[in-house]
PDB file of N, CA and C in Angstrom:
ATOM      1  N   MET A   1    -178.379-165.629 -53.324  1.00  0.00           N
ATOM      2  CA  MET A   1    -178.554-166.672 -52.341  1.00  0.00           C
ATOM      3  C   MET A   1    -177.289-166.728 -51.492  1.00  0.00           C
ATOM      4  N   ASP A   2    -177.264-165.940 -50.431  1.00  0.00           N
ATOM      5  CA  ASP A   2    -176.101-165.879 -49.560  1.00  0.00           C
ATOM      6  C   ASP A   2    -175.992-167.103 -48.659  1.00  0.00           C
ATOM      7  N   ASP A   3    -177.102-167.650 -48.242  1.00  0.00           N
ATOM      8  CA  ASP A   3    -177.108-168.771 -47.317  1.00  0.00           C
ATOM      9  C   ASP A   3    -177.926-169.919 -47.906  1.00  0.00           C
ATOM     10  N   PRO A   4    -177.260-170.859 -48.597  1.00  0.00           N
ATOM     11  CA  PRO A   4    -178.001-171.946 -49.242  1.00  0.00           C
ATOM     12  C   PRO A   4    -178.813-172.800 -48.262  1.00  0.00           C
ATOM     13  N   ILE A   5    -178.350-172.956 -47.044  1.00  0.00           N
ATOM     14  CA  ILE A   5    -179.069-173.787 -46.081  1.00  0.00           C
ATOM     15  C   ILE A   5    -180.403-173.149 -45.707  1.00  0.00           C
ATOM     16  N   SER A   6    -180.388-171.861 -45.398  1.00  0.00           N
ATOM     17  CA  SER A   6    -181.647-171.169 -45.075  1.00  0.00           C
ATOM     18  C   SER A   6    -182.587-171.151 -46.272  1.00  0.00           C
ATOM     19  N   PHE A   7    -182.017-170.940 -47.442  1.00  0.00           N
ATOM     20  CA  PHE A   7    -182.821-170.931 -48.664  1.00  0.00           C
ATOM     21  C   PHE A   7    -183.459-172.306 -48.882  1.00  0.00           C
ATOM     22  N   ALA A   8    -182.692-173.379 -48.688  1.00  0.00           N
ATOM     23  CA  ALA A   8    -183.216-174.737 -48.846  1.00  0.00           C
ATOM     24  C   ALA A   8    -184.342-175.001 -47.849  1.00  0.00           C
ATOM     25  N   ARG A   9    -184.177-174.558 -46.618  1.00  0.00           N
ATOM     26  CA  ARG A   9    -185.227-174.746 -45.611  1.00  0.00           C
ATOM     27  C   ARG A   9    -186.509-174.041 -46.032  1.00  0.00           C
ATOM     28  N   GLN A  10    -186.360-172.828 -46.539  1.00  0.00           N
ATOM     29  CA  GLN A  10    -187.532-172.082 -47.001  1.00  0.00           C
ATOM     30  C   GLN A  10    -188.222-172.824 -48.146  1.00  0.00           C
ATOM     31  N   LEU A  11    -187.439-173.326 -49.092  1.00  0.00           N
ATOM     32  CA  LEU A  11    -188.027-174.057 -50.221  1.00  0.00           C
ATOM     33  C   LEU A  11    -188.729-175.332 -49.764  1.00  0.00           C
ATOM     34  N   ARG A  12    -188.185-176.018 -48.756  1.00  0.00           N
ATOM     35  CA  ARG A  12    -188.848-177.222 -48.242  1.00  0.00           C
ATOM     36  C   ARG A  12    -190.185-176.874 -47.609  1.00  0.00           C
ATOM     37  N   ARG A  13    -190.237-175.732 -46.920  1.00  0.00           N
ATOM     38  CA  ARG A  13    -191.499-175.305 -46.304  1.00  0.00           C
ATOM     39  C   ARG A  13    -192.526-174.902 -47.349  1.00  0.00           C
ATOM     40  N   GLU A  14    -192.071-174.409 -48.500  1.00  0.00           N
ATOM     41  CA  GLU A  14    -192.957-173.879 -49.532  1.00  0.00           C
ATOM     42  C   GLU A  14    -192.979-174.774 -50.771  1.00  0.00           C
ATOM     43  N   GLN A  15    -192.911-176.067 -50.570  1.00  0.00           N
ATOM     44  CA  GLN A  15    -192.854-177.010 -51.668  1.00  0.00           C
ATOM     45  C   GLN A  15    -194.061-176.868 -52.588  1.00  0.00           C
ATOM     46  N   THR A  16    -193.817-176.982 -53.895  1.00  0.00           N
ATOM     47  CA  THR A  16    -194.899-176.890 -54.878  1.00  0.00           C
ATOM     48  C   THR A  16    -195.646-178.223 -54.953  1.00  0.00           C
ATOM     49  N   LEU A  17    -196.817-178.191 -55.536  1.00  0.00           N
ATOM     50  CA  LEU A  17    -197.597-179.415 -55.714  1.00  0.00           C
ATOM     51  C   LEU A  17    -196.837-180.460 -56.545  1.00  0.00           C
ATOM     52  N   PRO A  18    -196.206-180.086 -57.674  1.00  0.00           N
ATOM     53  CA  PRO A  18    -195.432-181.086 -58.412  1.00  0.00           C
ATOM     54  C   PRO A  18    -194.279-181.669 -57.577  1.00  0.00           C
ATOM     55  N   GLU A  19    -193.648-180.864 -56.752  1.00  0.00           N
ATOM     56  CA  GLU A  19    -192.581-181.379 -55.900  1.00  0.00           C
ATOM     57  C   GLU A  19    -193.135-182.361 -54.870  1.00  0.00           C
ATOM     58  N   ARG A  20    -194.283-182.053 -54.289  1.00  0.00           N
ATOM     59  CA  ARG A  20    -194.906-182.997 -53.342  1.00  0.00           C
ATOM     60  C   ARG A  20    -195.283-184.299 -54.048  1.00  0.00           C
ATOM     61  N   ARG A  21    -195.792-184.179 -55.254  1.00  0.00           N
ATOM     62  CA  ARG A  21    -196.162-185.377 -56.022  1.00  0.00           C
ATOM     63  C   ARG A  21    -194.920-186.212 -56.328  1.00  0.00           C
ATOM     64  N   PHE A  22    -193.829-185.561 -56.722  1.00  0.00           N
ATOM     65  CA  PHE A  22    -192.604-186.303 -57.018  1.00  0.00           C
ATOM     66  C   PHE A  22    -192.100-187.028 -55.770  1.00  0.00           C
ATOM     67  N   TRP A  23    -192.178-186.368 -54.614  1.00  0.00           N
ATOM     68  CA  TRP A  23    -191.746-186.985 -53.354  1.00  0.00           C
ATOM     69  C   TRP A  23    -192.507-188.294 -53.138  1.00  0.00           C
ATOM     70  N   GLY A  24    -193.775-188.298 -53.488  1.00  0.00           N
ATOM     71  CA  GLY A  24    -194.552-189.528 -53.392  1.00  0.00           C
ATOM     72  C   GLY A  24    -194.096-190.584 -54.392  1.00  0.00           C
ATOM     73  N   LEU A  25    -193.697-190.149 -55.586  1.00  0.00           N
ATOM     74  CA  LEU A  25    -193.240-191.100 -56.603  1.00  0.00           C
ATOM     75  C   LEU A  25    -191.953-191.813 -56.193  1.00  0.00           C
ATOM     76  N   VAL A  26    -191.082-191.129 -55.451  1.00  0.00           N
ATOM     77  CA  VAL A  26    -189.833-191.786 -55.014  1.00  0.00           C
ATOM     78  C   VAL A  26    -190.029-192.556 -53.715  1.00  0.00           C
ATOM     79  N   GLY A  27    -191.249-192.533 -53.182  1.00  0.00           N
ATOM     80  CA  GLY A  27    -191.538-193.233 -51.933  1.00  0.00           C
ATOM     81  C   GLY A  27    -191.098-194.688 -51.900  1.00  0.00           C
ATOM     82  N   PRO A  28    -191.367-195.475 -52.950  1.00  0.00           N
ATOM     83  CA  PRO A  28    -190.947-196.880 -52.901  1.00  0.00           C
ATOM     84  C   PRO A  28    -189.432-197.059 -52.732  1.00  0.00           C
ATOM     85  N   TRP A  29    -188.646-196.185 -53.338  1.00  0.00           N
ATOM     86  CA  TRP A  29    -187.186-196.270 -53.174  1.00  0.00           C
ATOM     87  C   TRP A  29    -186.770-195.814 -51.784  1.00  0.00           C
ATOM     88  N   ARG A  30    -187.453-194.796 -51.259  1.00  0.00           N
ATOM     89  CA  ARG A  30    -187.151-194.347 -49.899  1.00  0.00           C
ATOM     90  C   ARG A  30    -187.470-195.460 -48.905  1.00  0.00           C
ATOM     91  N   GLU A  31    -188.623-196.099 -49.089  1.00  0.00           N
ATOM     92  CA  GLU A  31    -189.010-197.204 -48.203  1.00  0.00           C
ATOM     93  C   GLU A  31    -188.047-198.375 -48.307  1.00  0.00           C
ATOM     94  N   ALA A  32    -187.430-198.539 -49.489  1.00  0.00           N
ATOM     95  CA  ALA A  32    -186.474-199.633 -49.696  1.00  0.00           C
ATOM     96  C   ALA A  32    -185.078-199.282 -49.171  1.00  0.00           C
ATOM     97  N   GLY A  33    -184.909-198.054 -48.676  1.00  0.00           N
ATOM     98  CA  GLY A  33    -183.644-197.700 -48.050  1.00  0.00           C
ATOM     99  C   GLY A  33    -182.795-196.675 -48.762  1.00  0.00           C
ATOM    100  N   LEU A  34    -183.195-196.228 -49.951  1.00  0.00           N
ATOM    101  CA  LEU A  34    -182.426-195.166 -50.609  1.00  0.00           C
ATOM    102  C   LEU A  34    -182.761-193.837 -49.937  1.00  0.00           C
ATOM    103  N   HIS A  35    -181.736-193.125 -49.548  1.00  0.00           N
ATOM    104  CA  HIS A  35    -181.942-191.849 -48.863  1.00  0.00           C
ATOM    105  C   HIS A  35    -182.039-190.724 -49.897  1.00  0.00           C
ATOM    106  N   TRP A  36    -183.169-190.048 -49.885  1.00  0.00           N
ATOM    107  CA  TRP A  36    -183.408-188.891 -50.754  1.00  0.00           C
ATOM    108  C   TRP A  36    -183.503-187.654 -49.884  1.00  0.00           C
ATOM    109  N   ARG A  37    -183.048-186.548 -50.434  1.00  0.00           N
ATOM    110  CA  ARG A  37    -183.206-185.256 -49.768  1.00  0.00           C
ATOM    111  C   ARG A  37    -183.977-184.329 -50.691  1.00  0.00           C
ATOM    112  N   ARG A  38    -184.826-183.492 -50.081  1.00  0.00           N
ATOM    113  CA  ARG A  38    -185.581-182.475 -50.826  1.00  0.00           C
ATOM    114  C   ARG A  38    -184.888-181.138 -50.622  1.00  0.00           C
ATOM    115  N   GLN A  39    -184.842-180.340 -51.680  1.00  0.00           N
ATOM    116  CA  GLN A  39    -184.305-178.983 -51.595  1.00  0.00           C
ATOM    117  C   GLN A  39    -182.999-178.991 -50.808  1.00  0.00           C
ATOM    118  N   ALA A  40    -182.008-179.647 -51.365  1.00  0.00           N
ATOM    119  CA  ALA A  40    -180.749-179.856 -50.663  1.00  0.00           C
ATOM    120  C   ALA A  40    -179.628-179.032 -51.282  1.00  0.00           C
ATOM    121  N   PRO A  41    -178.829-178.373 -50.447  1.00  0.00           N
ATOM    122  CA  PRO A  41    -177.658-177.663 -50.974  1.00  0.00           C
ATOM    123  C   PRO A  41    -176.628-178.655 -51.509  1.00  0.00           C
ATOM    124  N   VAL A  42    -176.126-178.371 -52.703  1.00  0.00           N
ATOM    125  CA  VAL A  42    -174.995-179.091 -53.283  1.00  0.00           C
ATOM    126  C   VAL A  42    -174.074-178.003 -53.810  1.00  0.00           C
ATOM    127  N   GLY A  43    -173.002-177.767 -53.100  1.00  0.00           N
ATOM    128  CA  GLY A  43    -172.143-176.640 -53.444  1.00  0.00           C
ATOM    129  C   GLY A  43    -172.935-175.352 -53.285  1.00  0.00           C
ATOM    130  N   PRO A  44    -172.823-174.452 -54.252  1.00  0.00           N
ATOM    131  CA  PRO A  44    -173.531-173.172 -54.139  1.00  0.00           C
ATOM    132  C   PRO A  44    -174.997-173.237 -54.577  1.00  0.00           C
ATOM    133  N   TYR A  45    -175.441-174.400 -55.002  1.00  0.00           N
ATOM    134  CA  TYR A  45    -176.793-174.553 -55.541  1.00  0.00           C
ATOM    135  C   TYR A  45    -177.699-175.312 -54.571  1.00  0.00           C
ATOM    136  N   VAL A  46    -179.000-175.123 -54.746  1.00  0.00           N
ATOM    137  CA  VAL A  46    -179.993-175.916 -54.028  1.00  0.00           C
ATOM    138  C   VAL A  46    -180.732-176.718 -55.095  1.00  0.00           C
ATOM    139  N   VAL A  47    -180.604-178.046 -55.018  1.00  0.00           N
ATOM    140  CA  VAL A  47    -181.254-178.914 -55.996  1.00  0.00           C
ATOM    141  C   VAL A  47    -182.601-179.350 -55.444  1.00  0.00           C
ATOM    142  N   ASP A  48    -183.534-179.642 -56.335  1.00  0.00           N
ATOM    143  CA  ASP A  48    -184.875-180.031 -55.891  1.00  0.00           C
ATOM    144  C   ASP A  48    -184.833-181.349 -55.120  1.00  0.00           C
ATOM    145  N   PHE A  49    -184.199-182.369 -55.703  1.00  0.00           N
ATOM    146  CA  PHE A  49    -184.121-183.684 -55.066  1.00  0.00           C
ATOM    147  C   PHE A  49    -182.758-184.283 -55.367  1.00  0.00           C
ATOM    148  N   VAL A  50    -182.195-184.977 -54.389  1.00  0.00           N
ATOM    149  CA  VAL A  50    -180.918-185.649 -54.611  1.00  0.00           C
ATOM    150  C   VAL A  50    -180.902-186.977 -53.864  1.00  0.00           C
ATOM    151  N   CYS A  51    -180.380-187.980 -54.538  1.00  0.00           N
ATOM    152  CA  CYS A  51    -180.074-189.267 -53.928  1.00  0.00           C
ATOM    153  C   CYS A  51    -178.559-189.408 -54.056  1.00  0.00           C
ATOM    154  N   LYS A  52    -177.853-189.037 -52.998  1.00  0.00           N
ATOM    155  CA  LYS A  52    -176.394-188.968 -53.073  1.00  0.00           C
ATOM    156  C   LYS A  52    -175.756-190.331 -53.316  1.00  0.00           C
ATOM    157  N   SER A  53    -176.309-191.382 -52.738  1.00  0.00           N
ATOM    158  CA  SER A  53    -175.700-192.706 -52.923  1.00  0.00           C
ATOM    159  C   SER A  53    -175.743-193.142 -54.383  1.00  0.00           C
ATOM    160  N   GLN A  54    -176.729-192.660 -55.134  1.00  0.00           N
ATOM    161  CA  GLN A  54    -176.859-192.983 -56.555  1.00  0.00           C
ATOM    162  C   GLN A  54    -176.320-191.861 -57.443  1.00  0.00           C
ATOM    163  N   LYS A  55    -175.823-190.789 -56.814  1.00  0.00           N
ATOM    164  CA  LYS A  55    -175.303-189.613 -57.539  1.00  0.00           C
ATOM    165  C   LYS A  55    -176.339-189.114 -58.552  1.00  0.00           C
ATOM    166  N   LEU A  56    -177.583-188.993 -58.092  1.00  0.00           N
ATOM    167  CA  LEU A  56    -178.683-188.586 -58.965  1.00  0.00           C
ATOM    168  C   LEU A  56    -179.360-187.342 -58.416  1.00  0.00           C
ATOM    169  N   VAL A  57    -179.452-186.333 -59.261  1.00  0.00           N
ATOM    170  CA  VAL A  57    -180.182-185.100 -58.952  1.00  0.00           C
ATOM    171  C   VAL A  57    -181.394-185.058 -59.871  1.00  0.00           C
ATOM    172  N   VAL A  58    -182.554-184.749 -59.298  1.00  0.00           N
ATOM    173  CA  VAL A  58    -183.778-184.596 -60.087  1.00  0.00           C
ATOM    174  C   VAL A  58    -184.283-183.177 -59.883  1.00  0.00           C
ATOM    175  N   GLU A  59    -184.504-182.494 -60.985  1.00  0.00           N
ATOM    176  CA  GLU A  59    -185.050-181.143 -60.972  1.00  0.00           C
ATOM    177  C   GLU A  59    -186.460-181.172 -61.541  1.00  0.00           C
ATOM    178  N   ILE A  60    -187.367-180.486 -60.869  1.00  0.00           N
ATOM    179  CA  ILE A  60    -188.741-180.336 -61.336  1.00  0.00           C
ATOM    180  C   ILE A  60    -188.867-178.883 -61.795  1.00  0.00           C
ATOM    181  N   ASP A  61    -188.954-178.696 -63.106  1.00  0.00           N
ATOM    182  CA  ASP A  61    -188.860-177.363 -63.687  1.00  0.00           C
ATOM    183  C   ASP A  61    -190.211-176.730 -63.961  1.00  0.00           C
ATOM    184  N   GLY A  62    -190.390-175.531 -63.404  1.00  0.00           N
ATOM    185  CA  GLY A  62    -191.545-174.694 -63.706  1.00  0.00           C
ATOM    186  C   GLY A  62    -191.208-173.717 -64.812  1.00  0.00           C
ATOM    187  N   ASP A  63    -192.099-172.782 -65.051  1.00  0.00           N
ATOM    188  CA  ASP A  63    -191.968-171.839 -66.161  1.00  0.00           C
ATOM    189  C   ASP A  63    -190.693-171.010 -66.136  1.00  0.00           C
ATOM    190  N   THR A  64    -190.176-170.661 -64.961  1.00  0.00           N
ATOM    191  CA  THR A  64    -189.006-169.781 -64.895  1.00  0.00           C
ATOM    192  C   THR A  64    -187.767-170.434 -65.496  1.00  0.00           C
ATOM    193  N   HIS A  65    -187.769-171.727 -65.650  1.00  0.00           N
ATOM    194  CA  HIS A  65    -186.602-172.412 -66.201  1.00  0.00           C
ATOM    195  C   HIS A  65    -186.506-172.279 -67.711  1.00  0.00           C
ATOM    196  N   TYR A  66    -187.523-171.734 -68.348  1.00  0.00           N
ATOM    197  CA  TYR A  66    -187.546-171.678 -69.801  1.00  0.00           C
ATOM    198  C   TYR A  66    -187.290-170.284 -70.358  1.00  0.00           C
ATOM    199  N   SER A  67    -186.915-169.355 -69.504  1.00  0.00           N
ATOM    200  CA  SER A  67    -186.468-168.042 -69.982  1.00  0.00           C
ATOM    201  C   SER A  67    -184.989-168.168 -70.342  1.00  0.00           C
ATOM    202  N   ASP A  68    -184.457-167.189 -71.056  1.00  0.00           N
ATOM    203  CA  ASP A  68    -183.033-167.218 -71.406  1.00  0.00           C
ATOM    204  C   ASP A  68    -182.167-167.276 -70.148  1.00  0.00           C
ATOM    205  N   ALA A  69    -182.520-166.473 -69.152  1.00  0.00           N
ATOM    206  CA  ALA A  69    -181.750-166.461 -67.901  1.00  0.00           C
ATOM    207  C   ALA A  69    -181.866-167.793 -67.174  1.00  0.00           C
ATOM    208  N   GLY A  70    -183.058-168.367 -67.158  1.00  0.00           N
ATOM    209  CA  GLY A  70    -183.269-169.650 -66.498  1.00  0.00           C
ATOM    210  C   GLY A  70    -182.497-170.770 -67.166  1.00  0.00           C
ATOM    211  N   ILE A  71    -182.499-170.779 -68.487  1.00  0.00           N
ATOM    212  CA  ILE A  71    -181.771-171.801 -69.236  1.00  0.00           C
ATOM    213  C   ILE A  71    -180.280-171.681 -68.967  1.00  0.00           C
ATOM    214  N   ALA A  72    -179.746-170.453 -68.988  1.00  0.00           N
ATOM    215  CA  ALA A  72    -178.312-170.247 -68.731  1.00  0.00           C
ATOM    216  C   ALA A  72    -177.943-170.693 -67.313  1.00  0.00           C
ATOM    217  N   HIS A  73    -178.771-170.350 -66.344  1.00  0.00           N
ATOM    218  CA  HIS A  73    -178.513-170.749 -64.957  1.00  0.00           C
ATOM    219  C   HIS A  73    -178.525-172.273 -64.827  1.00  0.00           C
ATOM    220  N   ASP A  74    -179.514-172.918 -65.434  1.00  0.00           N
ATOM    221  CA  ASP A  74    -179.613-174.373 -65.366  1.00  0.00           C
ATOM    222  C   ASP A  74    -178.404-175.044 -66.023  1.00  0.00           C
ATOM    223  N   GLU A  75    -177.925-174.475 -67.128  1.00  0.00           N
ATOM    224  CA  GLU A  75    -176.737-175.042 -67.801  1.00  0.00           C
ATOM    225  C   GLU A  75    -175.513-174.964 -66.888  1.00  0.00           C
ATOM    226  N   ARG A  76    -175.334-173.835 -66.189  1.00  0.00           N
ATOM    227  CA  ARG A  76    -174.194-173.701 -65.253  1.00  0.00           C
ATOM    228  C   ARG A  76    -174.331-174.695 -64.106  1.00  0.00           C
ATOM    229  N   ARG A  77    -175.532-174.785 -63.558  1.00  0.00           N
ATOM    230  CA  ARG A  77    -175.754-175.690 -62.433  1.00  0.00           C
ATOM    231  C   ARG A  77    -175.538-177.144 -62.855  1.00  0.00           C
ATOM    232  N   THR A  78    -176.070-177.522 -64.014  1.00  0.00           N
ATOM    233  CA  THR A  78    -175.893-178.892 -64.499  1.00  0.00           C
ATOM    234  C   THR A  78    -174.419-179.204 -64.728  1.00  0.00           C
ATOM    235  N   ALA A  79    -173.680-178.276 -65.309  1.00  0.00           N
ATOM    236  CA  ALA A  79    -172.239-178.492 -65.530  1.00  0.00           C
ATOM    237  C   ALA A  79    -171.520-178.689 -64.191  1.00  0.00           C
ATOM    238  N   PHE A  80    -171.852-177.863 -63.203  1.00  0.00           N
ATOM    239  CA  PHE A  80    -171.254-177.983 -61.871  1.00  0.00           C
ATOM    240  C   PHE A  80    -171.534-179.372 -61.287  1.00  0.00           C
ATOM    241  N   LEU A  81    -172.771-179.803 -61.355  1.00  0.00           N
ATOM    242  CA  LEU A  81    -173.157-181.096 -60.779  1.00  0.00           C
ATOM    243  C   LEU A  81    -172.497-182.253 -61.523  1.00  0.00           C
ATOM    244  N   LYS A  82    -172.466-182.190 -62.848  1.00  0.00           N
ATOM    245  CA  LYS A  82    -171.844-183.261 -63.635  1.00  0.00           C
ATOM    246  C   LYS A  82    -170.346-183.348 -63.359  1.00  0.00           C
ATOM    247  N   GLU A  83    -169.699-182.201 -63.149  1.00  0.00           N
ATOM    248  CA  GLU A  83    -168.271-182.205 -62.799  1.00  0.00           C
ATOM    249  C   GLU A  83    -168.024-182.956 -61.498  1.00  0.00           C
ATOM    250  N   ARG A  84    -169.027-183.040 -60.660  1.00  0.00           N
ATOM    251  CA  ARG A  84    -168.919-183.735 -59.376  1.00  0.00           C
ATOM    252  C   ARG A  84    -169.501-185.148 -59.432  1.00  0.00           C
ATOM    253  N   GLY A  85    -169.777-185.624 -60.639  1.00  0.00           N
ATOM    254  CA  GLY A  85    -170.205-187.004 -60.821  1.00  0.00           C
ATOM    255  C   GLY A  85    -171.691-187.264 -60.740  1.00  0.00           C
ATOM    256  N   TYR A  86    -172.505-186.221 -60.632  1.00  0.00           N
ATOM    257  CA  TYR A  86    -173.952-186.407 -60.549  1.00  0.00           C
ATOM    258  C   TYR A  86    -174.568-186.559 -61.933  1.00  0.00           C
ATOM    259  N   ARG A  87    -175.585-187.402 -62.009  1.00  0.00           N
ATOM    260  CA  ARG A  87    -176.466-187.438 -63.172  1.00  0.00           C
ATOM    261  C   ARG A  87    -177.592-186.465 -62.852  1.00  0.00           C
ATOM    262  N   VAL A  88    -178.002-185.691 -63.830  1.00  0.00           N
ATOM    263  CA  VAL A  88    -179.063-184.708 -63.623  1.00  0.00           C
ATOM    264  C   VAL A  88    -180.218-185.039 -64.555  1.00  0.00           C
ATOM    265  N   VAL A  89    -181.391-185.212 -63.963  1.00  0.00           N
ATOM    266  CA  VAL A  89    -182.602-185.508 -64.726  1.00  0.00           C
ATOM    267  C   VAL A  89    -183.590-184.386 -64.458  1.00  0.00           C
ATOM    268  N   ARG A  90    -184.229-183.924 -65.523  1.00  0.00           N
ATOM    269  CA  ARG A  90    -185.199-182.842 -65.402  1.00  0.00           C
ATOM    270  C   ARG A  90    -186.568-183.314 -65.871  1.00  0.00           C
ATOM    271  N   PHE A  91    -187.567-182.959 -65.092  1.00  0.00           N
ATOM    272  CA  PHE A  91    -188.948-183.174 -65.473  1.00  0.00           C
ATOM    273  C   PHE A  91    -189.647-181.825 -65.385  1.00  0.00           C
ATOM    274  N   THR A  92    -190.630-181.612 -66.227  1.00  0.00           N
ATOM    275  CA  THR A  92    -191.442-180.408 -66.109  1.00  0.00           C
ATOM    276  C   THR A  92    -192.511-180.642 -65.047  1.00  0.00           C
ATOM    277  N   ASN A  93    -193.090-179.557 -64.576  1.00  0.00           N
ATOM    278  CA  ASN A  93    -194.228-179.677 -63.659  1.00  0.00           C
ATOM    279  C   ASN A  93    -195.314-180.552 -64.279  1.00  0.00           C
ATOM    280  N   ALA A  94    -195.579-180.346 -65.577  1.00  0.00           N
ATOM    281  CA  ALA A  94    -196.622-181.117 -66.266  1.00  0.00           C
ATOM    282  C   ALA A  94    -196.265-182.599 -66.316  1.00  0.00           C
ATOM    283  N   ASP A  95    -194.983-182.921 -66.531  1.00  0.00           N
ATOM    284  CA  ASP A  95    -194.580-184.332 -66.531  1.00  0.00           C
ATOM    285  C   ASP A  95    -194.996-184.995 -65.227  1.00  0.00           C
ATOM    286  N   VAL A  96    -194.686-184.354 -64.130  1.00  0.00           N
ATOM    287  CA  VAL A  96    -194.945-184.937 -62.816  1.00  0.00           C
ATOM    288  C   VAL A  96    -196.445-185.012 -62.538  1.00  0.00           C
ATOM    289  N   MET A  97    -197.166-183.976 -62.886  1.00  0.00           N
ATOM    290  CA  MET A  97    -198.590-183.913 -62.558  1.00  0.00           C
ATOM    291  C   MET A  97    -199.460-184.748 -63.506  1.00  0.00           C
ATOM    292  N   GLN A  98    -199.088-184.791 -64.789  1.00  0.00           N
ATOM    293  CA  GLN A  98    -199.952-185.432 -65.774  1.00  0.00           C
ATOM    294  C   GLN A  98    -199.414-186.760 -66.282  1.00  0.00           C
ATOM    295  N   ARG A  99    -198.118-186.982 -66.110  1.00  0.00           N
ATOM    296  CA  ARG A  99    -197.509-188.205 -66.625  1.00  0.00           C
ATOM    297  C   ARG A  99    -196.649-188.870 -65.544  1.00  0.00           C
ATOM    298  N   GLY A 100    -197.221-188.982 -64.356  1.00  0.00           N
ATOM    299  CA  GLY A 100    -196.504-189.578 -63.233  1.00  0.00           C
ATOM    300  C   GLY A 100    -196.009-190.982 -63.519  1.00  0.00           C
ATOM    301  N   ASP A 101    -196.789-191.764 -64.287  1.00  0.00           N
ATOM    302  CA  ASP A 101    -196.359-193.118 -64.632  1.00  0.00           C
ATOM    303  C   ASP A 101    -195.074-193.082 -65.461  1.00  0.00           C
ATOM    304  N   GLY A 102    -194.979-192.113 -66.364  1.00  0.00           N
ATOM    305  CA  GLY A 102    -193.773-191.974 -67.182  1.00  0.00           C
ATOM    306  C   GLY A 102    -192.574-191.559 -66.345  1.00  0.00           C
ATOM    307  N   VAL A 103    -192.788-190.672 -65.388  1.00  0.00           N
ATOM    308  CA  VAL A 103    -191.712-190.259 -64.484  1.00  0.00           C
ATOM    309  C   VAL A 103    -191.249-191.464 -63.675  1.00  0.00           C
ATOM    310  N   PHE A 104    -192.189-192.260 -63.174  1.00  0.00           N
ATOM    311  CA  PHE A 104    -191.854-193.462 -62.413  1.00  0.00           C
ATOM    312  C   PHE A 104    -191.037-194.426 -63.279  1.00  0.00           C
ATOM    313  N   THR A 105    -191.411-194.570 -64.553  1.00  0.00           N
ATOM    314  CA  THR A 105    -190.691-195.452 -65.468  1.00  0.00           C
ATOM    315  C   THR A 105    -189.252-194.976 -65.659  1.00  0.00           C
ATOM    316  N   VAL A 106    -189.056-193.688 -65.821  1.00  0.00           N
ATOM    317  CA  VAL A 106    -187.701-193.146 -65.958  1.00  0.00           C
ATOM    318  C   VAL A 106    -186.891-193.442 -64.700  1.00  0.00           C
ATOM    319  N   LEU A 107    -187.501-193.260 -63.538  1.00  0.00           N
ATOM    320  CA  LEU A 107    -186.805-193.566 -62.287  1.00  0.00           C
ATOM    321  C   LEU A 107    -186.432-195.042 -62.214  1.00  0.00           C
ATOM    322  N   MET A 108    -187.312-195.920 -62.677  1.00  0.00           N
ATOM    323  CA  MET A 108    -187.005-197.355 -62.688  1.00  0.00           C
ATOM    324  C   MET A 108    -185.812-197.641 -63.598  1.00  0.00           C
ATOM    325  N   GLU A 109    -185.748-196.946 -64.743  1.00  0.00           N
ATOM    326  CA  GLU A 109    -184.614-197.135 -65.657  1.00  0.00           C
ATOM    327  C   GLU A 109    -183.305-196.685 -65.009  1.00  0.00           C
ATOM    328  N   LEU A 110    -183.373-195.625 -64.210  1.00  0.00           N
ATOM    329  CA  LEU A 110    -182.174-195.083 -63.583  1.00  0.00           C
ATOM    330  C   LEU A 110    -181.771-195.832 -62.311  1.00  0.00           C
ATOM    331  N   LEU A 111    -182.757-196.266 -61.543  1.00  0.00           N
ATOM    332  CA  LEU A 111    -182.493-196.823 -60.207  1.00  0.00           C
ATOM    333  C   LEU A 111    -182.781-198.308 -60.074  1.00  0.00           C
ATOM    334  N   GLY A 112    -183.476-198.889 -61.047  1.00  0.00           N
ATOM    335  CA  GLY A 112    -183.909-200.272 -60.936  1.00  0.00           C
ATOM    336  C   GLY A 112    -185.163-200.368 -60.084  1.00  0.00           C
ATOM    337  N   GLU A 113    -185.639-201.572 -59.914  1.00  0.00           N
ATOM    338  CA  GLU A 113    -186.815-201.813 -59.066  1.00  0.00           C
ATOM    339  C   GLU A 113    -186.536-201.334 -57.657  1.00  0.00           C
ATOM    340  N   PRO A 114    -187.503-200.726 -56.997  1.00  0.00           N
ATOM    341  CA  PRO A 114    -187.276-200.366 -55.595  1.00  0.00           C
ATOM    342  C   PRO A 114    -186.860-201.595 -54.783  1.00  0.00           C
ATOM    343  N   GLY A 115    -185.764-201.445 -54.054  1.00  0.00           N
ATOM    344  CA  GLY A 115    -185.251-202.548 -53.255  1.00  0.00           C
ATOM    345  C   GLY A 115    -184.187-203.362 -53.966  1.00  0.00           C
ATOM    346  N   SER A 116    -184.034-203.196 -55.288  1.00  0.00           N
ATOM    347  CA  SER A 116    -183.046-203.986 -56.028  1.00  0.00           C
ATOM    348  C   SER A 116    -181.625-203.462 -55.859  1.00  0.00           C
ATOM    349  N   GLU A 117    -181.494-202.224 -55.371  1.00  0.00           N
ATOM    350  CA  GLU A 117    -180.166-201.613 -55.242  1.00  0.00           C
ATOM    351  C   GLU A 117    -179.434-202.078 -53.998  1.00  0.00           C
ATOM    352  N   SER A 118    -180.103-202.809 -53.113  1.00  0.00           N
ATOM    353  CA  SER A 118    -179.483-203.259 -51.870  1.00  0.00           C
ATOM    354  C   SER A 118    -178.534-204.399 -52.123  1.00  0.00           C
TER     355      SER A 118
END
């Protein structure tokens, strides 16, 4: 990934169904004024979702994240992000698609009620 910005743009254009669903789940916080970015460069990495004001990164993990190489890459990326003060939360594609209420509950635990952070 020589150019994280171009790569991020490509990923935004080719968003997966679980990523689109997650974008809808964070809608109440976006409407309340929290700024979220999709497929955003953070250092040398492109994270799935980030709310910089809350220092929160959310990753939606598909099958490639569960190979040995994927796990090692995710560990390096998570360490990099945590060194910069970010909290990193991971959900599987299935979590987002089949347990959206649970994902929403986790977000409420991390961010509070939409609009309460103002």
